[in-house]
Amino acid sequence: MSGAETGSTLVTADFAGRPCRFQLRLREMAELERLCGAGIGAIFMRLGMHQFPHQDVWDAIRLGLEGSGLSGIAASALVLRYQDDPLMDHLPLAGRIVAAAANGVPKAADAAGNAEAEEEGTAAPATSRSSTAPGRSRASRRKRSAG
């Protein structure tokens, strides 16, 4: 079981020069899935693997703002102001919003720990550990097993 509190999917992050709240509740998640033509898990993977259409980023942010209480018009207007920015400036935020909807937000032992946990790898899925021991290449393993 993960260290996430699955009942909590609210993300607080800086956007538009101020702290904002983002949350994909069921209605916003269903709308994101409809707009993106994929389930929440596939959207999460596309964002993490950098294989996404640009609207995945903007729709996740806009719907996250709406889910936390901002009106649809206000959220759309706010996001529209930043659509000419480099997409990579906003990808981590979109990833955090979608990850929070899918996995919950990590429990915080303290406020600093929560900030670090949210920034570490929540935009991309975890990968498995390498089967190669640190400092040993495949060639050295072959050489050792042959000798």
Foldseek 3Di string as FASTA:
>chain_A
DDQADLVALWDWDDAPNDIAIFACDVVLQVVLCVVQVHHLVVLLACLQVVNGDLVLQLSLQLSRRVVVPDDSVVSVVRSVVCPVPPSVVRSLVSLLNSLCNVPNQRDDPDPVRSVVRSNPPSSHDDDDDDPDDPPDDPVNVVVVVVD
